[in-house]
Amino acid sequence: MKSLSFPLIMIFGTAGLCTILLFYSGSIGLAAESGLDTAKIESITGLKGALNEKENTFKVSKPKDDVAITVEQTRMAPFMGLTSWAAFAPGMKGEAMVMGDMVLFEDEVNPVISVALDKGLEVTALHNHFFFDEPKVYFMHIGGEGSVDKLAQGVRAIFDKEKEIRAGSASPAKSFGSGQLPEKSSIDGEAISRVFGQKGDAKDGMYKVTIGREVEMDGHKVGNTMGVNTWAAFAGTPDDALVVGDFAILENELQKVLKTLRAGNINIVAIHQHKVKNLRMQFLGCRCAVHRPFAIHREFFEDTGNR
């Protein structure tokens, strides 16, 4: 089986060369003559698009120009890779399919993930392209198949959420707004062990649980010590805790896990691949009472092979 994994705190940049995971079968170029209502796509998304007759696609774009962005102290124009886009094509199962890449600031990522999922879109990757960018910029890949109306409304909701966030604060936030943890941690490791059903490791008042899973890659079985594992580490106090982690999941588990984490106000900070045929998602947990992350993680483990 194809295995996906995701590390919790990936604050540093990922390589600029990224692999785009295609979750849809079939070739766009081989699709039947397009019956897409391009005027409707433009009307719903509020964006002008361009038709590619050769590839039978219609693509709308939106430059990220609401806040000045620098890379290595150099002002970057949207033309230099800072433009969000969504491309529509005839669907294989539904009326249409969409794939896209959204350019987001840190404080926009998780609200946008939630909106995209709520509107029926899939979120398939989250990563960065640059080092030394200010403000930090992330790229979120989306996909979906269904009616033109539904897909276009999902894309529109993403841009509306970005606009709403920037209307509330012109400058991207510097943190999640949780404040500082207590200097010394005092996590109740026994309580965590009871939730996960296994012992973890304790250090200086912190507690970490690691759960491996086994997958096959190129005919070889690989498991926990080869990096195919899920872990969650807790710091702070039972009433004021931080959880960070790295979840190893399969491709068909990704969307459900994202929805579960976001429903619990857990912040996703990366969705990417560590190995060929092995996807890893990274998230940074919000500040919250420590029992809440327990419930979230237990539900995840019960839904996947991470036990």
Protein backbone atom coordinates (compact mmCIF):
# COMPACT_ATOMS: atom_id res chain seq x y z
CA MET A 1 0.00 0.00 0.00
CA LYS A 2 1.13 3.52 -0.59
CA SER A 3 2.05 5.17 2.67
CA LEU A 4 1.71 8.83 3.57
CA SER A 5 3.37 10.47 6.49
CA PHE A 6 3.42 13.95 7.88
CA PRO A 7 5.82 15.61 10.34
CA LEU A 8 4.47 18.01 12.93
CA ILE A 9 6.64 21.07 13.05
CA MET A 10 8.25 21.87 9.77
CA ILE A 11 9.06 25.50 10.24
CA PHE A 12 12.07 25.48 7.97
CA GLY A 13 11.80 25.64 4.21
CA THR A 14 11.36 22.61 2.07
CA ALA A 15 13.27 22.22 -1.16
CA GLY A 16 12.16 24.48 -3.96
CA LEU A 17 11.86 21.46 -6.22
CA CYS A 18 8.63 19.79 -5.15
CA THR A 19 6.78 16.73 -6.34
CA ILE A 20 3.14 17.34 -7.24
CA LEU A 21 1.03 14.39 -6.25
CA LEU A 22 -1.69 13.66 -8.78
CA PHE A 23 -4.70 12.20 -7.07
CA TYR A 24 -6.80 11.97 -10.23
CA SER A 25 -6.46 9.29 -12.88
CA GLY A 26 -6.67 9.82 -16.59
CA SER A 27 -5.20 12.45 -18.86
CA ILE A 28 -6.65 15.92 -19.21
CA GLY A 29 -5.37 16.01 -22.76
CA LEU A 30 -7.43 12.91 -23.60
CA ALA A 31 -10.66 14.31 -22.11
CA ALA A 32 -13.62 14.83 -24.36
CA GLU A 33 -14.32 18.19 -25.94
CA SER A 34 -14.88 20.66 -23.13
CA GLY A 35 -18.41 21.69 -22.23
CA LEU A 36 -17.18 23.88 -19.37
CA ASP A 37 -19.15 27.06 -18.80
CA THR A 38 -16.16 29.40 -18.62
CA ALA A 39 -18.35 32.45 -18.09
CA LYS A 40 -19.87 30.77 -15.04
CA ILE A 41 -16.40 29.94 -13.66
CA GLU A 42 -15.36 33.57 -14.02
CA SER A 43 -18.60 34.82 -12.50
CA ILE A 44 -18.47 32.55 -9.46
CA THR A 45 -14.74 32.87 -8.74
CA GLY A 46 -14.70 36.60 -9.52
CA LEU A 47 -11.55 36.06 -11.57
CA LYS A 48 -10.72 36.30 -15.26
CA GLY A 49 -9.50 33.11 -16.84
CA ALA A 50 -7.64 31.81 -19.86
CA LEU A 51 -8.73 28.92 -22.09
CA ASN A 52 -6.11 26.44 -23.27
CA GLU A 53 -7.73 24.71 -26.23
CA LYS A 54 -4.85 22.27 -26.71
CA GLU A 55 -5.11 20.94 -23.14
CA ASN A 56 -8.85 21.54 -22.91
CA THR A 57 -8.54 23.51 -19.64
CA PHE A 58 -9.68 26.84 -18.24
CA LYS A 59 -7.43 28.51 -15.69
CA VAL A 60 -8.12 31.44 -13.36
CA SER A 61 -5.34 33.22 -11.49
CA LYS A 62 -4.94 35.74 -8.70
CA PRO A 63 -1.61 37.47 -7.96
CA LYS A 64 -0.53 37.68 -4.31
CA ASP A 65 -0.12 41.46 -4.23
CA ASP A 66 -1.98 42.50 -1.07
CA VAL A 67 1.23 42.53 1.01
CA ALA A 68 4.78 43.27 -0.14
CA ILE A 69 6.91 40.10 -0.15
CA THR A 70 10.69 39.99 -0.14
CA VAL A 71 13.05 37.04 -0.64
CA GLU A 72 16.64 37.57 0.45
CA GLN A 73 15.70 41.26 0.94
CA THR A 74 14.60 41.54 -2.69
CA ARG A 75 11.02 42.59 -3.48
CA MET A 76 9.30 39.80 -5.37
CA ALA A 77 6.63 40.47 -8.00
CA PRO A 78 3.69 38.01 -8.30
CA PHE A 79 5.18 36.98 -11.67
CA MET A 80 8.05 35.36 -9.72
CA GLY A 81 5.94 32.45 -8.49
CA LEU A 82 3.57 34.33 -6.20
CA THR A 83 0.30 33.83 -8.05
CA SER A 84 -2.54 31.56 -6.93
CA TRP A 85 -4.31 29.60 -9.65
CA ALA A 86 -7.04 27.03 -10.23
CA ALA A 87 -7.41 25.10 -13.48
CA PHE A 88 -10.68 23.47 -14.54
CA ALA A 89 -11.07 20.58 -16.97
CA PRO A 90 -13.76 18.06 -17.93
CA GLY A 91 -14.08 15.44 -15.19
CA MET A 92 -13.68 11.70 -15.43
CA LYS A 93 -16.41 10.99 -12.87
CA GLY A 94 -18.13 14.35 -12.46
CA GLU A 95 -18.90 17.30 -14.71
CA ALA A 96 -15.51 18.88 -14.06
CA MET A 97 -12.29 18.59 -12.10
CA VAL A 98 -10.09 21.28 -10.62
CA MET A 99 -6.47 21.44 -9.54
CA GLY A 100 -4.76 24.48 -8.11
CA ASP A 101 -2.03 26.04 -6.02
CA MET A 102 -2.85 28.73 -3.45
CA VAL A 103 -0.24 31.24 -2.27
CA LEU A 104 -0.82 31.91 1.43
CA PHE A 105 0.67 33.65 4.44
CA GLU A 106 1.09 31.68 7.69
CA ASP A 107 -2.02 33.09 9.34
CA GLU A 108 -4.12 32.28 6.27
CA VAL A 109 -3.14 28.62 5.89
CA ASN A 110 -5.33 26.87 8.43
CA PRO A 111 -8.49 28.95 7.99
CA VAL A 112 -8.16 28.35 4.24
CA ILE A 113 -7.62 24.60 4.72
CA SER A 114 -10.83 24.48 6.76
CA VAL A 115 -12.80 26.43 4.15
CA ALA A 116 -11.51 24.28 1.29
CA LEU A 117 -12.42 21.05 3.10
CA ASP A 118 -15.82 22.41 4.10
CA LYS A 119 -16.54 23.24 0.46
CA GLY A 120 -15.73 19.72 -0.69
CA LEU A 121 -12.26 20.35 -2.11
CA GLU A 122 -9.26 18.17 -1.29
CA VAL A 123 -6.04 19.59 0.14
CA THR A 124 -3.16 17.55 -1.26
CA ALA A 125 0.05 19.39 -0.32
CA LEU A 126 1.33 22.24 1.84
CA HIS A 127 4.91 23.44 1.57
CA ASN A 128 7.13 26.44 0.94
CA HIS A 129 9.22 27.48 -2.06
CA PHE A 130 11.58 30.04 -0.57
CA PHE A 131 14.16 30.63 2.15
CA PHE A 132 14.51 34.03 3.84
CA ASP A 133 11.12 35.22 2.64
CA GLU A 134 9.30 37.95 4.54
CA PRO A 135 6.50 37.45 5.35
CA LYS A 136 6.69 33.66 5.18
CA VAL A 137 4.81 32.30 2.16
CA TYR A 138 3.29 28.84 1.82
CA PHE A 139 1.77 26.99 -1.13
CA MET A 140 -1.33 24.84 -0.70
CA HIS A 141 -2.36 22.45 -3.46
CA ILE A 142 -6.04 21.70 -3.98
CA GLY A 143 -8.05 19.29 -6.09
CA GLY A 144 -11.58 18.12 -6.59
CA GLU A 145 -14.15 16.70 -8.96
CA GLY A 146 -17.85 17.51 -9.28
CA SER A 147 -20.08 20.19 -10.73
CA VAL A 148 -18.60 23.42 -12.08
CA ASP A 149 -20.71 25.39 -9.60
CA LYS A 150 -19.44 23.45 -6.58
CA LEU A 151 -15.79 23.56 -7.60
CA ALA A 152 -15.85 27.26 -8.51
CA GLN A 153 -17.61 28.09 -5.25
CA GLY A 154 -14.88 26.24 -3.36
CA VAL A 155 -12.18 28.26 -5.11
CA ARG A 156 -14.09 31.49 -4.47
CA ALA A 157 -14.43 30.63 -0.76
CA ILE A 158 -10.65 30.30 -0.49
CA PHE A 159 -10.05 33.78 -1.88
CA ASP A 160 -12.88 35.24 0.21
CA LYS A 161 -11.31 33.79 3.38
CA GLU A 162 -7.91 35.27 2.48
CA LYS A 163 -9.56 38.66 1.93
CA GLU A 164 -11.41 38.42 5.24
CA ILE A 165 -8.21 37.68 7.15
CA ARG A 166 -6.30 40.57 5.56
CA ALA A 167 -9.23 42.92 6.17
CA GLY A 168 -8.90 42.10 9.87
CA SER A 169 -5.14 42.69 9.88
CA ALA A 170 -3.20 44.15 6.95
CA SER A 171 0.04 42.51 8.14
CA PRO A 172 0.30 38.72 8.57
CA ALA A 173 0.37 37.56 12.19
CA LYS A 174 3.69 36.56 13.75
CA SER A 175 2.23 33.71 15.84
CA PHE A 176 -0.91 31.73 16.57
CA GLY A 177 -1.52 34.15 19.44
CA SER A 178 -1.26 31.58 22.21
CA GLY A 179 1.46 33.31 24.22
CA GLN A 180 4.30 31.67 26.12
CA LEU A 181 4.10 28.27 27.76
CA PRO A 182 5.10 27.96 31.43
CA GLU A 183 8.89 27.76 31.78
CA LYS A 184 8.68 24.26 33.26
CA SER A 185 6.45 21.55 31.82
CA SER A 186 4.38 19.22 33.99
CA ILE A 187 2.49 17.01 31.56
CA ASP A 188 0.64 14.03 33.01
CA GLY A 189 2.26 11.24 31.02
CA GLU A 190 0.17 8.51 32.61
CA ALA A 191 -3.03 10.17 31.40
CA ILE A 192 -1.63 10.34 27.88
CA SER A 193 -0.56 6.69 28.00
CA ARG A 194 -4.05 5.62 28.97
CA VAL A 195 -5.50 7.46 25.97
CA PHE A 196 -3.04 6.03 23.45
CA GLY A 197 -2.93 2.59 25.02
CA GLN A 198 0.85 2.49 25.20
CA LYS A 199 3.75 3.96 27.14
CA GLY A 200 5.66 6.97 25.91
CA ASP A 201 8.87 8.76 26.83
CA ALA A 202 9.14 11.48 29.47
CA LYS A 203 11.75 14.24 29.70
CA ASP A 204 11.79 17.39 31.86
CA GLY A 205 8.04 17.35 32.35
CA MET A 206 7.30 16.76 28.64
CA TYR A 207 5.84 13.57 27.18
CA LYS A 208 6.11 11.94 23.76
CA VAL A 209 4.33 8.94 22.25
CA THR A 210 5.70 7.26 19.10
CA ILE A 211 3.73 4.66 17.17
CA GLY A 212 5.21 2.90 14.16
CA ARG A 213 3.49 1.28 11.22
CA GLU A 214 4.80 -1.08 8.57
CA VAL A 215 4.65 -0.51 4.83
CA GLU A 216 6.28 -2.09 1.80
CA MET A 217 8.52 -0.08 -0.54
CA ASP A 218 10.07 -1.66 -3.62
CA GLY A 219 9.58 -5.10 -2.15
CA HIS A 220 11.12 -4.22 1.24
CA LYS A 221 9.26 -3.93 4.51
CA VAL A 222 10.05 -0.72 6.37
CA GLY A 223 8.76 0.40 9.73
CA ASN A 224 9.27 2.51 12.81
CA THR A 225 13.05 2.83 12.90
CA MET A 226 13.14 3.67 9.17
CA GLY A 227 10.95 6.71 9.82
CA VAL A 228 7.51 5.23 9.16
CA ASN A 229 5.98 6.39 12.41
CA THR A 230 3.56 8.79 13.99
CA TRP A 231 4.55 10.74 17.06
CA ALA A 232 2.99 13.38 19.26
CA ALA A 233 4.90 15.37 21.88
CA PHE A 234 3.26 17.40 24.64
CA ALA A 235 4.70 20.31 26.64
CA GLY A 236 3.24 22.77 29.16
CA THR A 237 0.70 21.85 31.83
CA PRO A 238 -2.49 19.77 31.85
CA ASP A 239 -4.51 23.01 31.50
CA ASP A 240 -2.22 24.88 29.10
CA ALA A 241 -0.44 22.56 26.71
CA LEU A 242 1.16 22.48 23.30
CA VAL A 243 1.16 19.39 21.09
CA VAL A 244 3.38 18.91 18.06
CA GLY A 245 3.79 15.81 15.96
CA ASP A 246 4.35 13.92 12.75
CA PHE A 247 1.70 11.58 11.36
CA ALA A 248 2.46 8.73 8.94
CA ILE A 249 -0.67 8.08 6.91
CA LEU A 250 -1.84 6.44 3.72
CA GLU A 251 -3.08 8.43 0.75
CA ASN A 252 -6.68 7.37 1.27
CA GLU A 253 -6.54 8.54 4.90
CA LEU A 254 -5.30 12.07 4.25
CA GLN A 255 -8.54 14.02 3.78
CA LYS A 256 -10.27 12.45 6.78
CA VAL A 257 -7.26 13.12 9.00
CA LEU A 258 -7.07 16.74 7.86
CA LYS A 259 -10.75 17.22 8.66
CA THR A 260 -10.33 15.60 12.10
CA LEU A 261 -7.35 17.76 13.01
CA ARG A 262 -8.93 21.00 11.81
CA ALA A 263 -12.20 20.17 13.59
CA GLY A 264 -10.13 20.03 16.78
CA ASN A 265 -8.38 23.34 16.00
CA ILE A 266 -5.07 21.61 15.35
CA ASN A 267 -2.96 23.64 12.94
CA ILE A 268 -1.49 21.93 9.87
CA VAL A 269 1.96 23.24 8.94
CA ALA A 270 3.04 20.88 6.14
CA ILE A 271 1.76 18.08 3.93
CA HIS A 272 4.52 16.47 1.93
CA GLN A 273 6.30 13.32 0.91
CA HIS A 274 9.40 11.90 2.59
CA LYS A 275 9.92 8.87 0.41
CA VAL A 276 8.71 7.60 -2.92
CA LYS A 277 5.21 6.20 -2.37
CA ASN A 278 5.25 7.57 1.18
CA LEU A 279 3.54 10.87 2.06
CA ARG A 280 4.09 12.70 5.30
CA MET A 281 2.01 15.51 6.77
CA GLN A 282 3.28 17.91 9.39
CA PHE A 283 1.18 19.88 11.82
CA LEU A 284 1.71 22.23 14.74
CA GLY A 285 -0.90 21.95 17.45
CA CYS A 286 -2.70 24.95 18.86
CA ARG A 287 -2.54 25.97 22.51
CA CYS A 288 -5.35 24.16 24.24
CA ALA A 289 -6.26 22.03 27.23
CA VAL A 290 -4.22 18.89 26.94
CA HIS A 291 -7.17 16.47 27.10
CA ARG A 292 -8.50 17.83 23.79
CA PRO A 293 -5.47 16.78 21.70
CA PHE A 294 -5.76 13.34 23.33
CA ALA A 295 -9.25 12.92 21.96
CA ILE A 296 -8.22 14.11 18.51
CA HIS A 297 -5.20 11.84 18.26
CA ARG A 298 -7.07 8.80 19.60
CA GLU A 299 -9.76 9.24 16.95
CA PHE A 300 -7.06 9.47 14.29
CA PHE A 301 -5.29 6.33 15.46
CA GLU A 302 -8.57 4.42 15.48
CA ASP A 303 -9.22 5.49 11.88
CA THR A 304 -5.82 4.47 10.51
CA GLY A 305 -3.14 1.84 10.91
CA ASN A 306 -1.31 3.91 13.56
CA ARG A 307 -1.96 1.84 16.67
